[in-house]
C-alpha atoms as a PDB file:
ATOM      1  CA  MET A   1     -24.251  21.843  -0.907  1.00  0.00           C
ATOM      2  CA  LYS A   2     -21.251  20.218   0.874  1.00  0.00           C
ATOM      3  CA  LYS A   3     -19.973  17.661  -1.570  1.00  0.00           C
ATOM      4  CA  ILE A   4     -17.702  14.501  -0.851  1.00  0.00           C
ATOM      5  CA  ILE A   5     -14.911  15.394  -2.877  1.00  0.00           C
ATOM      6  CA  CYS A   6     -12.283  13.004  -4.066  1.00  0.00           C
ATOM      7  CA  PHE A   7      -9.208  13.210  -4.967  1.00  0.00           C
ATOM      8  CA  ASP A   8      -6.891  11.662  -6.757  1.00  0.00           C
ATOM      9  CA  LEU A   9      -2.694  11.131  -5.321  1.00  0.00           C
ATOM     10  CA  ASP A  10       0.021  10.576  -7.554  1.00  0.00           C
ATOM     11  CA  ASP A  11       0.248  13.466 -10.234  1.00  0.00           C
ATOM     12  CA  THR A  12      -3.150  15.006  -8.943  1.00  0.00           C
ATOM     13  CA  LEU A  13      -2.070  16.389  -6.196  1.00  0.00           C
ATOM     14  CA  ILE A  14       2.277  14.662  -6.265  1.00  0.00           C
ATOM     15  CA  ASP A  15       4.245  15.592  -8.704  1.00  0.00           C
ATOM     16  CA  ASP A  16       4.926  11.880  -9.620  1.00  0.00           C
ATOM     17  CA  ASN A  17       5.999  11.545 -13.360  1.00  0.00           C
ATOM     18  CA  TYR A  18       8.320  14.039 -13.401  1.00  0.00           C
ATOM     19  CA  LYS A  19      10.852  11.847 -11.051  1.00  0.00           C
ATOM     20  CA  PHE A  20       9.672   8.828 -13.226  1.00  0.00           C
ATOM     21  CA  GLU A  21      10.716  10.712 -16.770  1.00  0.00           C
ATOM     22  CA  ILE A  22      13.980  11.329 -15.263  1.00  0.00           C
ATOM     23  CA  THR A  23      14.821   7.546 -14.353  1.00  0.00           C
ATOM     24  CA  PHE A  24      13.593   6.353 -17.340  1.00  0.00           C
ATOM     25  CA  CYS A  25      16.376   9.186 -18.766  1.00  0.00           C
ATOM     26  CA  ASP A  26      18.750   7.038 -16.639  1.00  0.00           C
ATOM     27  CA  CYS A  27      17.827   4.046 -17.291  1.00  0.00           C
ATOM     28  CA  ILE A  28      18.109   4.641 -20.984  1.00  0.00           C
ATOM     29  CA  GLY A  29      21.863   6.065 -20.384  1.00  0.00           C
ATOM     30  CA  VAL A  30      22.593   2.296 -18.884  1.00  0.00           C
ATOM     31  CA  ILE A  31      21.095   0.542 -21.252  1.00  0.00           C
ATOM     32  CA  ILE A  32      23.647   2.468 -23.420  1.00  0.00           C
ATOM     33  CA  LYS A  33      26.012   2.368 -21.257  1.00  0.00           C
ATOM     34  CA  ALA A  34      26.155  -1.452 -20.871  1.00  0.00           C
ATOM     35  CA  LEU A  35      25.514  -2.403 -24.964  1.00  0.00           C
ATOM     36  CA  GLU A  36      28.293  -0.140 -26.160  1.00  0.00           C
ATOM     37  CA  THR A  37      28.690   0.259 -29.840  1.00  0.00           C
ATOM     38  CA  ARG A  38      26.080  -2.043 -30.034  1.00  0.00           C
ATOM     39  CA  SER A  39      22.955   0.134 -28.234  1.00  0.00           C
ATOM     40  CA  PRO A  40      20.596   0.573 -30.253  1.00  0.00           C
ATOM     41  CA  GLN A  41      18.802   4.091 -30.571  1.00  0.00           C
ATOM     42  CA  ILE A  42      17.062   5.574 -27.362  1.00  0.00           C
ATOM     43  CA  ASP A  43      13.457   5.572 -28.970  1.00  0.00           C
ATOM     44  CA  THR A  44      14.092   2.045 -29.365  1.00  0.00           C
ATOM     45  CA  ILE A  45      15.296   0.807 -25.856  1.00  0.00           C
ATOM     46  CA  LEU A  46      11.979   3.536 -24.632  1.00  0.00           C
ATOM     47  CA  LYS A  47       9.413   0.813 -27.249  1.00  0.00           C
ATOM     48  CA  THR A  48      10.922  -2.139 -26.055  1.00  0.00           C
ATOM     49  CA  ALA A  49      10.765  -1.472 -22.188  1.00  0.00           C
ATOM     50  CA  GLN A  50       7.395   0.094 -22.985  1.00  0.00           C
ATOM     51  CA  ASP A  51       6.372  -2.857 -24.882  1.00  0.00           C
ATOM     52  CA  ILE A  52       7.438  -5.129 -22.299  1.00  0.00           C
ATOM     53  CA  ASP A  53       5.921  -3.200 -19.126  1.00  0.00           C
ATOM     54  CA  ASN A  54       2.380  -3.525 -20.751  1.00  0.00           C
ATOM     55  CA  LYS A  55       2.966  -7.372 -21.701  1.00  0.00           C
ATOM     56  CA  ASN A  56       3.407  -7.315 -17.485  1.00  0.00           C
ATOM     57  CA  TRP A  57       0.592  -5.465 -16.815  1.00  0.00           C
ATOM     58  CA  GLU A  58      -1.169  -7.714 -19.032  1.00  0.00           C
ATOM     59  CA  SER A  59      -0.086 -10.729 -17.459  1.00  0.00           C
ATOM     60  CA  LEU A  60      -0.352  -9.623 -13.823  1.00  0.00           C
ATOM     61  CA  PRO A  61      -2.570  -9.687 -10.817  1.00  0.00           C
ATOM     62  CA  LYS A  62      -4.574  -6.569 -10.649  1.00  0.00           C
ATOM     63  CA  GLU A  63      -3.476  -6.256  -7.572  1.00  0.00           C
ATOM     64  CA  GLU A  64       0.434  -6.967  -8.450  1.00  0.00           C
ATOM     65  CA  ARG A  65      -0.078  -4.039 -11.502  1.00  0.00           C
ATOM     66  CA  TYR A  66       0.175  -0.843  -9.402  1.00  0.00           C
ATOM     67  CA  MET A  67       3.354  -2.580  -7.314  1.00  0.00           C
ATOM     68  CA  PRO A  68       6.835  -0.848  -7.941  1.00  0.00           C
ATOM     69  CA  ARG A  69       8.140  -4.144  -8.520  1.00  0.00           C
ATOM     70  CA  ARG A  70       6.163  -4.038 -12.020  1.00  0.00           C
ATOM     71  CA  VAL A  71       8.038  -0.868 -13.524  1.00  0.00           C
ATOM     72  CA  ALA A  72      11.393  -1.899 -12.188  1.00  0.00           C
ATOM     73  CA  THR A  73      11.026  -5.697 -13.722  1.00  0.00           C
ATOM     74  CA  SER A  74       9.821  -4.129 -16.668  1.00  0.00           C
ATOM     75  CA  TRP A  75      13.320  -2.066 -17.369  1.00  0.00           C
ATOM     76  CA  MET A  76      15.674  -5.261 -16.307  1.00  0.00           C
ATOM     77  CA  GLU A  77      13.695  -7.576 -18.411  1.00  0.00           C
ATOM     78  CA  ALA A  78      14.244  -4.778 -21.039  1.00  0.00           C
ATOM     79  CA  TYR A  79      17.586  -4.420 -20.582  1.00  0.00           C
ATOM     80  CA  GLU A  80      17.909  -8.835 -20.704  1.00  0.00           C
ATOM     81  CA  LYS A  81      15.930  -8.889 -23.682  1.00  0.00           C
ATOM     82  CA  LEU A  82      18.221  -5.841 -26.160  1.00  0.00           C
ATOM     83  CA  ALA A  83      21.366  -7.621 -24.557  1.00  0.00           C
ATOM     84  CA  LYS A  84      20.666 -10.742 -25.813  1.00  0.00           C
ATOM     85  CA  GLU A  85      19.476  -9.370 -29.508  1.00  0.00           C
ATOM     86  CA  ASN A  86      23.339  -8.261 -29.538  1.00  0.00           C
ATOM     87  CA  ASN A  87      25.236 -10.989 -28.428  1.00  0.00           C
ATOM     88  CA  ILE A  88      26.162  -9.508 -24.991  1.00  0.00           C
ATOM     89  CA  PRO A  89      26.798 -11.109 -21.681  1.00  0.00           C
ATOM     90  CA  VAL A  90      24.109  -9.710 -19.198  1.00  0.00           C
ATOM     91  CA  ARG A  91      25.127  -8.087 -15.823  1.00  0.00           C
ATOM     92  CA  ARG A  92      23.844  -8.362 -13.307  1.00  0.00           C
ATOM     93  CA  HIS A  93      25.365  -5.247 -11.637  1.00  0.00           C
ATOM     94  CA  VAL A  94      23.722  -3.381 -14.604  1.00  0.00           C
ATOM     95  CA  THR A  95      20.351  -5.095 -13.622  1.00  0.00           C
ATOM     96  CA  ARG A  96      20.505  -3.891  -9.829  1.00  0.00           C
ATOM     97  CA  LEU A  97      21.566  -1.070 -11.139  1.00  0.00           C
ATOM     98  CA  LEU A  98      18.144  -0.606 -13.147  1.00  0.00           C
ATOM     99  CA  TRP A  99      15.863  -1.626 -10.298  1.00  0.00           C
ATOM    100  CA  SER A 100      17.518  -0.001  -7.874  1.00  0.00           C
ATOM    101  CA  LEU A 101      17.135   3.548  -9.815  1.00  0.00           C
ATOM    102  CA  VAL A 102      14.067   3.120 -11.004  1.00  0.00           C
ATOM    103  CA  MET A 103      12.742   1.711  -7.108  1.00  0.00           C
ATOM    104  CA  THR A 104      13.848   6.022  -6.069  1.00  0.00           C
ATOM    105  CA  ASN A 105      11.466   6.854  -7.508  1.00  0.00           C
ATOM    106  CA  TYR A 106       9.031   6.020  -4.852  1.00  0.00           C
ATOM    107  CA  ASP A 107      11.270   7.430  -1.974  1.00  0.00           C
ATOM    108  CA  PRO A 108      10.900  11.550  -0.415  1.00  0.00           C
ATOM    109  CA  PRO A 109      11.739  14.237  -1.506  1.00  0.00           C
ATOM    110  CA  TYR A 110       7.347  14.706  -2.799  1.00  0.00           C
ATOM    111  CA  TYR A 111       6.268  17.663  -4.527  1.00  0.00           C
ATOM    112  CA  VAL A 112       3.200  18.912  -4.279  1.00  0.00           C
ATOM    113  CA  ILE A 113       1.841  20.366  -6.958  1.00  0.00           C
ATOM    114  CA  PRO A 114       1.207  23.868  -7.456  1.00  0.00           C
ATOM    115  CA  GLY A 115      -2.239  25.135  -5.699  1.00  0.00           C
ATOM    116  CA  VAL A 116      -2.933  22.343  -4.597  1.00  0.00           C
ATOM    117  CA  VAL A 117      -2.650  23.230  -0.743  1.00  0.00           C
ATOM    118  CA  GLU A 118      -4.302  26.817  -1.210  1.00  0.00           C
ATOM    119  CA  VAL A 119      -7.355  24.769  -3.360  1.00  0.00           C
ATOM    120  CA  LEU A 120      -7.475  21.775  -0.470  1.00  0.00           C
ATOM    121  CA  LYS A 121      -7.628  24.459   2.506  1.00  0.00           C
ATOM    122  CA  GLU A 122     -10.810  27.097   0.781  1.00  0.00           C
ATOM    123  CA  LEU A 123     -12.161  23.800  -0.106  1.00  0.00           C
ATOM    124  CA  LYS A 124     -12.455  22.656   3.463  1.00  0.00           C
ATOM    125  CA  ASP A 125     -13.057  25.910   5.018  1.00  0.00           C
ATOM    126  CA  HIS A 126     -16.588  25.912   2.579  1.00  0.00           C
ATOM    127  CA  GLY A 127     -17.091  22.603   4.929  1.00  0.00           C
ATOM    128  CA  HIS A 128     -16.662  19.977   2.254  1.00  0.00           C
ATOM    129  CA  GLN A 129     -14.733  16.092   3.346  1.00  0.00           C
ATOM    130  CA  LEU A 130     -11.759  15.713   1.219  1.00  0.00           C
ATOM    131  CA  HIS A 131     -11.249  11.754   0.495  1.00  0.00           C
ATOM    132  CA  VAL A 132      -8.062  10.926  -1.366  1.00  0.00           C
ATOM    133  CA  ILE A 133      -8.328   7.779  -3.508  1.00  0.00           C
ATOM    134  CA  THR A 134      -4.991   6.502  -5.091  1.00  0.00           C
ATOM    135  CA  VAL A 135      -3.351   3.251  -5.747  1.00  0.00           C
ATOM    136  CA  GLY A 136      -1.089   1.553  -5.063  1.00  0.00           C
ATOM    137  CA  HIS A 137       1.549  -0.053  -2.219  1.00  0.00           C
ATOM    138  CA  ILE A 138      -0.288   1.577   0.808  1.00  0.00           C
ATOM    139  CA  ASN A 139       3.362   1.849   2.729  1.00  0.00           C
ATOM    140  CA  ILE A 140       4.504   4.642   0.013  1.00  0.00           C
ATOM    141  CA  GLN A 141       1.077   5.744  -0.556  1.00  0.00           C
ATOM    142  CA  MET A 142       0.571   7.186   3.369  1.00  0.00           C
ATOM    143  CA  ARG A 143       4.150   8.255   3.433  1.00  0.00           C
ATOM    144  CA  LYS A 144       3.681  10.317   0.550  1.00  0.00           C
ATOM    145  CA  LEU A 145       0.504  11.745   2.376  1.00  0.00           C
ATOM    146  CA  LYS A 146       2.476  12.082   5.783  1.00  0.00           C
ATOM    147  CA  VAL A 147       6.127  13.388   4.256  1.00  0.00           C
ATOM    148  CA  SER A 148       4.083  15.912   2.325  1.00  0.00           C
ATOM    149  CA  GLY A 149       1.842  17.250   4.437  1.00  0.00           C
ATOM    150  CA  LEU A 150      -1.426  16.262   2.930  1.00  0.00           C
ATOM    151  CA  ILE A 151      -2.809  13.974   4.943  1.00  0.00           C
ATOM    152  CA  LYS A 152      -4.002  17.050   7.263  1.00  0.00           C
ATOM    153  CA  TYR A 153      -6.305  17.516   4.643  1.00  0.00           C
ATOM    154  CA  PHE A 154      -8.313  15.049   3.993  1.00  0.00           C
ATOM    155  CA  ASP A 155     -11.069  13.411   6.471  1.00  0.00           C
ATOM    156  CA  LYS A 156     -10.442   9.782   4.687  1.00  0.00           C
ATOM    157  CA  GLN A 157      -7.506   7.743   3.067  1.00  0.00           C
ATOM    158  CA  HIS A 158      -8.360   4.873   0.514  1.00  0.00           C
ATOM    159  CA  VAL A 159      -5.737   3.224  -0.744  1.00  0.00           C
ATOM    160  CA  GLU A 160      -6.678   0.627  -2.955  1.00  0.00           C
ATOM    161  CA  LYS A 161      -4.589  -2.205  -4.619  1.00  0.00           C
ATOM    162  CA  SER A 162      -6.036  -2.176  -7.973  1.00  0.00           C
ATOM    163  CA  ASP A 163      -9.394  -0.311  -8.941  1.00  0.00           C
ATOM    164  CA  LYS A 164     -11.070   2.971  -7.699  1.00  0.00           C
ATOM    165  CA  GLU A 165     -14.187   2.283  -8.626  1.00  0.00           C
ATOM    166  CA  PRO A 166     -15.255  -0.231  -6.530  1.00  0.00           C
ATOM    167  CA  ILE A 167     -14.942   2.058  -3.392  1.00  0.00           C
ATOM    168  CA  ILE A 168     -16.297   5.552  -5.392  1.00  0.00           C
ATOM    169  CA  GLN A 169     -19.073   3.548  -5.569  1.00  0.00           C
ATOM    170  CA  LYS A 170     -19.271   3.307  -2.155  1.00  0.00           C
ATOM    171  CA  ILE A 171     -18.787   6.449  -1.151  1.00  0.00           C
ATOM    172  CA  THR A 172     -21.726   7.011  -3.973  1.00  0.00           C
ATOM    173  CA  ASP A 173     -23.385   4.455  -1.847  1.00  0.00           C
ATOM    174  CA  LYS A 174     -23.208   6.464   1.311  1.00  0.00           C
ATOM    175  CA  TYR A 175     -23.778   9.901   0.362  1.00  0.00           C
ATOM    176  CA  GLY A 176     -25.329  10.372  -2.585  1.00  0.00           C
ATOM    177  CA  LYS A 177     -24.118  10.581  -6.596  1.00  0.00           C
ATOM    178  CA  GLU A 178     -24.879  14.532  -6.041  1.00  0.00           C
ATOM    179  CA  ASN A 179     -22.766  14.673  -3.890  1.00  0.00           C
ATOM    180  CA  VAL A 180     -20.117  12.982  -4.617  1.00  0.00           C
ATOM    181  CA  VAL A 181     -17.495  14.539  -7.344  1.00  0.00           C
ATOM    182  CA  MET A 182     -14.357  12.688  -8.298  1.00  0.00           C
ATOM    183  CA  ILE A 183     -10.595  14.477  -9.340  1.00  0.00           C
ATOM    184  CA  GLY A 184      -7.925  13.528 -11.139  1.00  0.00           C
ATOM    185  CA  ASN A 185      -5.304  13.530 -13.963  1.00  0.00           C
ATOM    186  CA  SER A 186      -6.117   9.757 -15.512  1.00  0.00           C
ATOM    187  CA  MET A 187      -8.557   9.409 -17.855  1.00  0.00           C
ATOM    188  CA  ARG A 188      -8.480   5.558 -17.513  1.00  0.00           C
ATOM    189  CA  SER A 189      -8.176   5.386 -13.404  1.00  0.00           C
ATOM    190  CA  ASP A 190      -9.682   8.434 -11.698  1.00  0.00           C
ATOM    191  CA  ILE A 191     -12.482   9.638 -14.324  1.00  0.00           C
ATOM    192  CA  ASN A 192     -13.666   6.395 -16.303  1.00  0.00           C
ATOM    193  CA  PRO A 193     -14.284   4.713 -12.834  1.00  0.00           C
ATOM    194  CA  ALA A 194     -16.533   7.696 -11.133  1.00  0.00           C
ATOM    195  CA  LEU A 195     -18.366   8.123 -14.864  1.00  0.00           C
ATOM    196  CA  ASN A 196     -18.752   4.236 -14.414  1.00  0.00           C
ATOM    197  CA  VAL A 197     -20.746   4.902 -11.553  1.00  0.00           C
ATOM    198  CA  GLY A 198     -22.360   8.282 -12.538  1.00  0.00           C
ATOM    199  CA  VAL A 199     -20.426  10.721  -9.912  1.00  0.00           C
ATOM    200  CA  LYS A 200     -19.334  14.495 -11.334  1.00  0.00           C
ATOM    201  CA  ALA A 201     -15.661  13.955 -12.449  1.00  0.00           C
ATOM    202  CA  ILE A 202     -13.055  16.576 -13.342  1.00  0.00           C
ATOM    203  CA  TYR A 203     -10.867  15.820 -15.464  1.00  0.00           C
ATOM    204  CA  ILE A 204      -7.117  17.451 -14.818  1.00  0.00           C
ATOM    205  CA  PRO A 205      -4.833  16.473 -17.663  1.00  0.00           C
ATOM    206  CA  ARG A 206      -1.708  15.777 -16.191  1.00  0.00           C
ATOM    207  CA  GLY A 207       1.753  13.355 -17.161  1.00  0.00           C
ATOM    208  CA  ASN A 208       2.036  11.490 -19.946  1.00  0.00           C
ATOM    209  CA  TRP A 209       2.514   7.797 -19.270  1.00  0.00           C
ATOM    210  CA  HIS A 210       1.045   5.782 -21.270  1.00  0.00           C
ATOM    211  CA  ARG A 211      -1.073   4.215 -18.330  1.00  0.00           C
ATOM    212  CA  PHE A 212      -3.735   7.558 -17.657  1.00  0.00           C
ATOM    213  CA  LYS A 213      -4.216   7.313 -21.411  1.00  0.00           C
ATOM    214  CA  ALA A 214      -7.483   6.159 -22.235  1.00  0.00           C
ATOM    215  CA  GLU A 215     -10.707   6.058 -24.116  1.00  0.00           C
ATOM    216  CA  PRO A 216     -13.506   8.149 -21.839  1.00  0.00           C
ATOM    217  CA  VAL A 217     -16.915   6.468 -21.661  1.00  0.00           C
ATOM    218  CA  ASN A 218     -19.078   9.210 -21.841  1.00  0.00           C
ATOM    219  CA  ASN A 219     -18.833  12.653 -21.803  1.00  0.00           C
ATOM    220  CA  LYS A 220     -20.368  13.665 -19.118  1.00  0.00           C
ATOM    221  CA  TYR A 221     -16.985  15.292 -17.292  1.00  0.00           C
ATOM    222  CA  ILE A 222     -15.195  18.277 -16.863  1.00  0.00           C
ATOM    223  CA  VAL A 223     -11.453  19.197 -18.018  1.00  0.00           C
ATOM    224  CA  LEU A 224      -9.933  22.020 -16.087  1.00  0.00           C
ATOM    225  CA  LYS A 225      -6.130  23.496 -17.002  1.00  0.00           C
ATOM    226  CA  ASN A 226      -5.210  24.170 -13.799  1.00  0.00           C
ATOM    227  CA  ILE A 227      -6.264  22.728  -9.759  1.00  0.00           C
ATOM    228  CA  ALA A 228      -7.017  25.895  -9.043  1.00  0.00           C
ATOM    229  CA  GLU A 229      -9.796  26.173 -11.147  1.00  0.00           C
ATOM    230  CA  VAL A 230     -11.374  23.680  -8.775  1.00  0.00           C
ATOM    231  CA  PRO A 231     -13.447  25.628  -6.108  1.00  0.00           C
ATOM    232  CA  LYS A 232     -15.318  27.779  -8.161  1.00  0.00           C
ATOM    233  CA  ASN A 233     -16.802  23.993 -10.255  1.00  0.00           C
ATOM    234  CA  ILE A 234     -17.607  21.915  -7.527  1.00  0.00           C
END
């Protein structure tokens, strides 16, 4: 039976997590240097940035949560908070540097996860229709697909502003629950939306960003260690 196979993009097909980890280390280094001897420990800086990012996530409209400026603003605000707590003047060149460091994550190069191309080719050869469902800025996400060369494997590209569930529902309404599969690395944004719709979900955990994590709405999903296992589990 030919299926409509839907893939998440970031950290399912393209390795984004490592870029953010490197950048966050760079941001911490910038803050430590700016605060000098009054700088808190690394864990405190990271927790401050994460707490602010959590607050920004909750306060922003849904369509703005996945925009690059949210992450950049969170790091700028973390620096400003720590500087003020330690009675150190906030320096604009530091905030600009933090902004530019975060923004470079969204530029090429984009690294395709090993095994992805082979899996996409195999699925296409078997006649399956491939869709990519991703959330974020449409120009950035489409650039990732084009520059990486992955766009040629997909029959449809869906770039959503906030939530994948409506587009999964739309695809399901058109093709039927039994014919749709959703594959992703995030329980929060990939697997739970698929489970809510009632389609088959394949979870390939990757990345440790706190936004990936959530409790599953039920246990009706498959967990794989590697994307190479996908074809035999469709």
